[in-house]
Amino acid sequence: MKYTTLGKTGIEVSRICVGCMSYGKASEDFHQWTLGPEDTQAMVKHAIDLGVNFFDTANIYSFGTSEEYLGQALKNIGVPRDSVVIASKVFFNEGQLSRNAILREIDGTLKRLGTDYLDLYQIHRFDYGTPIEETMEALDSLVKAGKVRAIGASAMYGYQFHNMQICAERNGWTLFSTMQNHYNLMYREDERELIPVCEQYGVSRIPYSPLAGGHLTHRGWESGTARSNTDKTIRKKYDASKENDLEIIERVAILAERLGVTMTEVALAWTLAKGVAAPIVGATKVPHFDAAVRAVDLTLGCEDIAFLEEPYKAHEIVGALARTDSNGI
């Protein structure tokens, strides 16, 4: 495994992050394909054995049970707290990013994880209903209190992220060190504005859905898995651009065959080649995660990257919330 540092924090993380939305109590109200406690522990242990030390979850994932399962798994395995980097998120909760909500939700997250601090606390979306100053000051107070080591943001528009960083700078508060945006070969809209803002501030990018919900791991569109059959969120993200995306998927398959590797390796190696610090991979099976880890050692040439990118056409925005949106996980 190779490692990198998150922004200017000094926090060292593996180049692959475990996406813990895959873990938690399955339900029709969230996701039906998530893993239970025992399978979660097995996947977490396997990741650690491979040298992965970075785990990302959220208070909303499986209604808090993702945090619970992750915390219990790390405890059962006997992992020293300072040897892993744990990240979680706040927004899809009562009060969204108000000061009261942030202070309430961090305590719930820490309790469920069984730890007294988070390495990285991220705002899950932009909150149109709370003043930026209120949110940034509340996050800064968590850093000063020792409950959080660093803060990050997730999918939003470039101007929103820029305004929040400026707010923190002007007031002497903690700036965001990471951006967890929606980014993969099938969705590259953030290359226009958000990614340049991240580069301006030395922010590390740790994108979610780097495999487009599994679409970039196999030929064709449907896979027949439980997630493919039941995940309505994935359909909302990608079905509208299916025709163009199938062209991209085929390019990944062709290059994988040419290089003698899996499509997973090609898709993730592309993100790493584009400056991503650590793509967040939500694997539910050991072989899938093994392929993700191998991607760290796969170097794509300039011609390979051009071949993969050539079919892409502009997509509708997916991830960043419009003012009227109520969700967007």
Protein backbone atom coordinates (compact mmCIF):
# COMPACT_ATOMS: atom_id res chain seq x y z
CA MET A 1 0.00 0.00 0.00
CA LYS A 2 1.06 3.56 -0.68
CA TYR A 3 0.15 6.53 1.50
CA THR A 4 -0.42 10.25 1.18
CA THR A 5 -1.19 13.21 3.45
CA LEU A 6 -4.60 14.85 3.62
CA GLY A 7 -4.21 18.49 2.63
CA LYS A 8 -1.94 20.29 5.07
CA THR A 9 -3.10 18.27 8.08
CA GLY A 10 -0.21 15.85 8.48
CA ILE A 11 -2.76 13.02 8.61
CA GLU A 12 -1.37 10.10 6.62
CA VAL A 13 -3.87 7.90 4.80
CA SER A 14 -3.75 4.92 2.46
CA ARG A 15 -4.33 5.68 -1.23
CA ILE A 16 -7.56 3.67 -1.00
CA CYS A 17 -10.31 4.52 1.49
CA VAL A 18 -12.95 2.05 2.68
CA GLY A 19 -16.43 3.39 1.96
CA CYS A 20 -18.61 2.33 4.86
CA MET A 21 -21.98 3.08 3.28
CA SER A 22 -21.70 -0.61 2.35
CA TYR A 23 -21.98 -1.55 6.03
CA GLY A 24 -24.96 -1.25 8.35
CA LYS A 25 -28.41 -2.66 8.98
CA ALA A 26 -30.14 -3.29 5.65
CA SER A 27 -33.57 -1.71 5.20
CA GLU A 28 -35.98 -0.66 2.49
CA ASP A 29 -35.81 2.89 3.83
CA PHE A 30 -32.10 3.22 3.06
CA HIS A 31 -30.19 0.38 1.34
CA GLN A 32 -31.11 -3.29 1.15
CA TRP A 33 -27.68 -4.54 0.08
CA THR A 34 -25.51 -3.52 3.05
CA LEU A 35 -23.45 -5.97 5.12
CA GLY A 36 -24.22 -7.05 8.69
CA PRO A 37 -21.82 -6.86 11.68
CA GLU A 38 -19.88 -10.08 11.02
CA ASP A 39 -19.35 -9.45 7.32
CA THR A 40 -18.46 -5.83 8.08
CA GLN A 41 -15.78 -6.96 10.50
CA ALA A 42 -14.37 -9.41 7.98
CA MET A 43 -14.12 -6.71 5.30
CA VAL A 44 -12.58 -4.18 7.71
CA LYS A 45 -9.98 -6.71 8.89
CA HIS A 46 -9.11 -7.64 5.32
CA ALA A 47 -8.64 -3.99 4.41
CA ILE A 48 -6.34 -3.45 7.39
CA ASP A 49 -4.34 -6.56 6.51
CA LEU A 50 -3.80 -5.02 3.06
CA GLY A 51 -2.42 -1.84 4.62
CA VAL A 52 -5.55 0.29 4.32
CA ASN A 53 -5.98 2.64 7.28
CA PHE A 54 -8.68 5.05 6.03
CA PHE A 55 -12.41 4.53 6.71
CA ASP A 56 -15.26 6.85 5.70
CA THR A 57 -18.80 6.70 7.07
CA ALA A 58 -21.66 9.10 7.90
CA ASN A 59 -24.34 9.61 10.51
CA ILE A 60 -27.04 8.92 7.93
CA TYR A 61 -25.65 5.65 6.56
CA SER A 62 -28.10 2.92 7.53
CA PHE A 63 -29.42 5.35 10.15
CA GLY A 64 -26.26 5.30 12.25
CA THR A 65 -25.64 1.57 12.19
CA SER A 66 -22.78 2.00 9.71
CA GLU A 67 -20.90 3.97 12.35
CA GLU A 68 -21.83 1.38 14.96
CA TYR A 69 -20.67 -1.57 12.86
CA LEU A 70 -17.40 0.13 11.94
CA GLY A 71 -16.63 1.11 15.52
CA GLN A 72 -17.40 -2.37 16.83
CA ALA A 73 -15.35 -4.02 14.07
CA LEU A 74 -12.27 -1.94 14.88
CA LYS A 75 -12.71 -2.70 18.58
CA ASN A 76 -13.12 -6.45 18.03
CA ILE A 77 -10.10 -6.59 15.74
CA GLY A 78 -8.05 -4.77 18.36
CA VAL A 79 -6.83 -1.97 16.12
CA PRO A 80 -5.01 0.82 18.00
CA ARG A 81 -7.03 4.01 17.58
CA ASP A 82 -4.08 6.03 16.35
CA SER A 83 -3.31 3.55 13.57
CA VAL A 84 -6.54 4.23 11.66
CA VAL A 85 -8.06 7.38 10.17
CA ILE A 86 -11.82 7.59 10.72
CA ALA A 87 -13.98 10.05 8.81
CA SER A 88 -17.69 10.74 9.14
CA LYS A 89 -20.19 13.32 7.94
CA VAL A 90 -23.04 15.60 9.01
CA PHE A 91 -25.95 17.23 7.12
CA PHE A 92 -28.80 14.75 6.49
CA ASN A 93 -30.16 15.27 10.00
CA GLU A 94 -32.44 17.63 11.88
CA GLY A 95 -31.03 21.15 11.67
CA GLN A 96 -28.60 20.19 8.88
CA LEU A 97 -25.49 22.37 9.41
CA SER A 98 -26.74 24.69 12.14
CA ARG A 99 -24.46 25.07 15.16
CA ASN A 100 -26.83 23.13 17.40
CA ALA A 101 -27.09 20.30 14.89
CA ILE A 102 -23.34 20.00 14.40
CA LEU A 103 -22.64 19.96 18.14
CA ARG A 104 -25.39 17.39 18.68
CA GLU A 105 -24.47 15.14 15.77
CA ILE A 106 -20.74 14.94 16.49
CA ASP A 107 -21.49 13.54 19.93
CA GLY A 108 -23.82 10.92 18.47
CA THR A 109 -21.24 9.96 15.87
CA LEU A 110 -18.45 9.61 18.43
CA LYS A 111 -20.66 7.49 20.67
CA ARG A 112 -21.67 5.14 17.85
CA LEU A 113 -18.07 4.76 16.71
CA GLY A 114 -16.83 4.24 20.26
CA THR A 115 -14.12 6.90 20.05
CA ASP A 116 -13.51 10.29 21.64
CA TYR A 117 -12.35 12.01 18.45
CA LEU A 118 -12.70 11.93 14.68
CA ASP A 119 -9.76 12.34 12.35
CA LEU A 120 -11.93 13.97 9.68
CA TYR A 121 -15.41 15.48 9.99
CA GLN A 122 -17.11 16.43 6.73
CA ILE A 123 -20.20 18.41 5.83
CA HIS A 124 -22.22 16.05 3.63
CA ARG A 125 -23.72 18.81 1.46
CA PHE A 126 -24.10 22.60 1.35
CA ASP A 127 -26.79 24.00 3.64
CA TYR A 128 -28.78 26.81 2.04
CA GLY A 129 -30.67 27.44 5.29
CA THR A 130 -27.75 28.15 7.64
CA PRO A 131 -25.33 31.08 7.41
CA ILE A 132 -21.87 29.95 6.32
CA GLU A 133 -20.35 31.75 9.31
CA GLU A 134 -22.43 29.71 11.74
CA THR A 135 -21.37 26.42 10.16
CA MET A 136 -17.67 27.25 9.88
CA GLU A 137 -17.44 28.58 13.43
CA ALA A 138 -19.14 25.47 14.79
CA LEU A 139 -16.76 23.19 12.90
CA ASP A 140 -13.79 25.23 14.11
CA SER A 141 -14.99 24.85 17.69
CA LEU A 142 -14.89 21.06 17.31
CA VAL A 143 -11.26 21.24 16.20
CA LYS A 144 -10.36 23.49 19.13
CA ALA A 145 -12.19 21.17 21.52
CA GLY A 146 -10.18 18.17 20.28
CA LYS A 147 -13.22 16.28 19.04
CA VAL A 148 -12.11 16.61 15.41
CA ARG A 149 -8.59 16.75 13.93
CA ALA A 150 -9.54 18.13 10.51
CA ILE A 151 -12.63 19.11 8.55
CA GLY A 152 -13.76 18.43 5.00
CA ALA A 153 -16.66 19.02 2.65
CA SER A 154 -18.60 16.92 0.18
CA ALA A 155 -20.49 17.47 -3.07
CA MET A 156 -21.36 21.11 -3.73
CA TYR A 157 -20.84 23.83 -6.30
CA GLY A 158 -17.41 25.39 -6.71
CA TYR A 159 -18.53 28.86 -5.65
CA GLN A 160 -20.04 27.46 -2.45
CA PHE A 161 -16.83 25.70 -1.45
CA HIS A 162 -14.82 28.82 -2.32
CA ASN A 163 -17.07 31.04 -0.21
CA MET A 164 -16.78 28.71 2.79
CA GLN A 165 -12.98 28.69 2.56
CA ILE A 166 -12.92 32.49 2.32
CA CYS A 167 -15.19 32.72 5.36
CA ALA A 168 -12.81 30.55 7.40
CA GLU A 169 -9.77 32.52 6.23
CA ARG A 170 -11.29 35.90 7.15
CA ASN A 171 -12.24 34.76 10.63
CA GLY A 172 -9.16 32.72 11.47
CA TRP A 173 -11.14 29.48 11.59
CA THR A 174 -10.15 26.02 10.41
CA LEU A 175 -10.29 25.58 6.64
CA PHE A 176 -11.48 22.46 4.85
CA SER A 177 -8.65 20.05 4.10
CA THR A 178 -10.57 17.56 1.97
CA MET A 179 -13.30 17.40 -0.66
CA GLN A 180 -15.40 14.26 -1.06
CA ASN A 181 -17.01 14.97 -4.40
CA HIS A 182 -18.73 12.83 -7.02
CA TYR A 183 -16.02 11.91 -9.52
CA ASN A 184 -15.35 9.03 -11.87
CA LEU A 185 -14.87 8.31 -15.58
CA MET A 186 -18.64 8.54 -16.08
CA TYR A 187 -19.05 11.81 -14.15
CA ARG A 188 -16.45 14.56 -14.53
CA GLU A 189 -18.42 17.79 -14.19
CA ASP A 190 -16.38 18.99 -11.20
CA GLU A 191 -13.36 19.41 -13.46
CA ARG A 192 -14.90 22.72 -14.53
CA GLU A 193 -14.88 24.62 -11.20
CA LEU A 194 -14.83 22.61 -7.98
CA ILE A 195 -11.58 20.74 -8.61
CA PRO A 196 -9.67 23.95 -9.54
CA VAL A 197 -10.86 25.49 -6.24
CA CYS A 198 -9.58 22.42 -4.39
CA GLU A 199 -6.21 22.80 -6.10
CA GLN A 200 -6.13 26.50 -5.23
CA TYR A 201 -6.44 25.68 -1.53
CA GLY A 202 -4.27 22.54 -1.46
CA VAL A 203 -7.33 20.45 -0.61
CA SER A 204 -7.07 16.67 -0.97
CA ARG A 205 -9.76 15.03 -3.07
CA ILE A 206 -11.30 11.81 -1.77
CA PRO A 207 -14.18 11.19 -4.22
CA TYR A 208 -17.15 8.96 -3.62
CA SER A 209 -18.54 6.61 -6.31
CA PRO A 210 -15.16 6.25 -8.09
CA LEU A 211 -16.55 3.08 -9.69
CA ALA A 212 -19.93 4.67 -10.50
CA GLY A 213 -21.82 2.34 -8.20
CA GLY A 214 -20.21 -0.70 -9.83
CA HIS A 215 -20.94 0.30 -13.44
CA LEU A 216 -17.23 0.66 -14.19
CA THR A 217 -16.41 -2.85 -12.92
CA HIS A 218 -18.14 -4.90 -15.66
CA ARG A 219 -19.29 -4.72 -19.26
CA GLY A 220 -22.88 -3.74 -19.95
CA TRP A 221 -25.25 -1.90 -17.65
CA GLU A 222 -26.96 -4.36 -15.31
CA SER A 223 -24.91 -6.70 -13.10
CA GLY A 224 -27.68 -8.64 -11.37
CA THR A 225 -26.31 -7.89 -7.90
CA ALA A 226 -28.52 -6.97 -4.96
CA ARG A 227 -27.30 -3.39 -5.20
CA SER A 228 -27.92 -3.17 -8.94
CA ASN A 229 -31.42 -4.52 -8.48
CA THR A 230 -32.47 -2.37 -5.50
CA ASP A 231 -30.36 0.80 -5.30
CA LYS A 232 -32.62 3.64 -6.48
CA THR A 233 -29.92 6.22 -5.77
CA ILE A 234 -27.56 4.66 -8.30
CA ARG A 235 -30.30 4.74 -10.92
CA LYS A 236 -30.89 8.44 -10.28
CA LYS A 237 -27.17 9.13 -10.64
CA TYR A 238 -26.49 7.34 -13.89
CA ASP A 239 -29.48 6.05 -15.84
CA ALA A 240 -30.12 9.39 -17.56
CA SER A 241 -26.76 9.26 -19.35
CA LYS A 242 -26.71 5.51 -19.97
CA GLU A 243 -26.04 5.71 -23.71
CA ASN A 244 -22.86 7.77 -23.35
CA ASP A 245 -21.75 5.92 -20.23
CA LEU A 246 -21.89 2.55 -21.97
CA GLU A 247 -19.30 3.85 -24.43
CA ILE A 248 -17.03 4.77 -21.53
CA ILE A 249 -17.57 1.41 -19.83
CA GLU A 250 -16.53 -0.37 -23.02
CA ARG A 251 -13.35 1.70 -23.19
CA VAL A 252 -12.50 0.61 -19.63
CA ALA A 253 -13.12 -3.02 -20.56
CA ILE A 254 -10.93 -2.80 -23.66
CA LEU A 255 -8.04 -1.19 -21.79
CA ALA A 256 -8.33 -3.68 -18.92
CA GLU A 257 -8.02 -6.56 -21.39
CA ARG A 258 -5.07 -4.87 -23.08
CA LEU A 259 -3.24 -4.40 -19.78
CA GLY A 260 -4.25 -7.77 -18.31
CA VAL A 261 -5.96 -6.27 -15.26
CA THR A 262 -9.52 -5.84 -14.00
CA MET A 263 -11.83 -3.00 -14.96
CA THR A 264 -11.82 -1.94 -11.30
CA GLU A 265 -8.08 -1.42 -11.43
CA VAL A 266 -8.30 0.68 -14.58
CA ALA A 267 -11.13 2.87 -13.30
CA LEU A 268 -9.44 3.55 -9.96
CA ALA A 269 -5.99 4.02 -11.49
CA TRP A 270 -7.54 6.73 -13.66
CA THR A 271 -8.76 8.64 -10.57
CA LEU A 272 -5.31 8.41 -9.00
CA ALA A 273 -3.73 9.65 -12.23
CA LYS A 274 -6.09 12.66 -12.09
CA GLY A 275 -4.70 13.80 -8.74
CA VAL A 276 -7.11 12.06 -6.38
CA ALA A 277 -5.60 11.37 -2.94
CA ALA A 278 -7.74 8.36 -2.04
CA PRO A 279 -10.88 7.20 -3.86
CA ILE A 280 -13.56 5.87 -1.53
CA VAL A 281 -14.35 2.27 -2.42
CA GLY A 282 -17.48 0.63 -1.03
CA ALA A 283 -16.70 -3.01 -1.76
CA THR A 284 -18.83 -5.76 -0.23
CA LYS A 285 -16.73 -8.70 -1.43
CA VAL A 286 -13.07 -9.49 -0.75
CA PRO A 287 -12.04 -9.98 -4.41
CA HIS A 288 -13.50 -6.58 -5.29
CA PHE A 289 -11.45 -4.88 -2.61
CA ASP A 290 -8.29 -6.77 -3.59
CA ALA A 291 -8.66 -5.36 -7.10
CA ALA A 292 -9.13 -1.87 -5.66
CA VAL A 293 -5.89 -2.13 -3.72
CA ARG A 294 -3.98 -3.37 -6.78
CA ALA A 295 -5.03 -0.20 -8.60
CA VAL A 296 -2.60 1.79 -6.45
CA ASP A 297 0.30 0.15 -8.28
CA LEU A 298 -1.16 0.51 -11.78
CA THR A 299 0.22 3.43 -13.79
CA LEU A 300 -1.72 4.53 -16.86
CA GLY A 301 0.09 6.24 -19.71
CA CYS A 302 -1.04 9.48 -21.32
CA GLU A 303 -2.43 7.55 -24.29
CA ASP A 304 -4.38 5.24 -21.96
CA ILE A 305 -5.94 8.22 -20.18
CA ALA A 306 -6.85 9.92 -23.44
CA PHE A 307 -8.44 6.69 -24.69
CA LEU A 308 -10.60 6.43 -21.58
CA GLU A 309 -11.66 10.08 -21.56
CA GLU A 310 -12.38 10.62 -25.26
CA PRO A 311 -16.08 9.52 -25.32
CA TYR A 312 -17.17 11.70 -22.39
CA LYS A 313 -19.95 14.23 -22.93
CA ALA A 314 -21.24 16.81 -20.48
CA HIS A 315 -23.66 15.43 -17.88
CA GLU A 316 -26.37 16.96 -15.75
CA ILE A 317 -25.15 17.88 -12.26
CA VAL A 318 -25.48 14.95 -9.85
CA GLY A 319 -24.36 15.30 -6.24
CA ALA A 320 -24.36 19.02 -5.49
CA LEU A 321 -27.79 20.06 -4.27
CA ALA A 322 -29.84 22.73 -5.97
CA ARG A 323 -31.59 25.08 -3.58
CA THR A 324 -34.84 23.11 -3.81
CA ASP A 325 -33.33 19.63 -3.36
CA SER A 326 -34.03 17.71 -0.16
CA ASN A 327 -31.59 14.84 -0.65
CA GLY A 328 -28.72 13.69 -2.79
CA ILE A 329 -26.84 10.94 -1.01
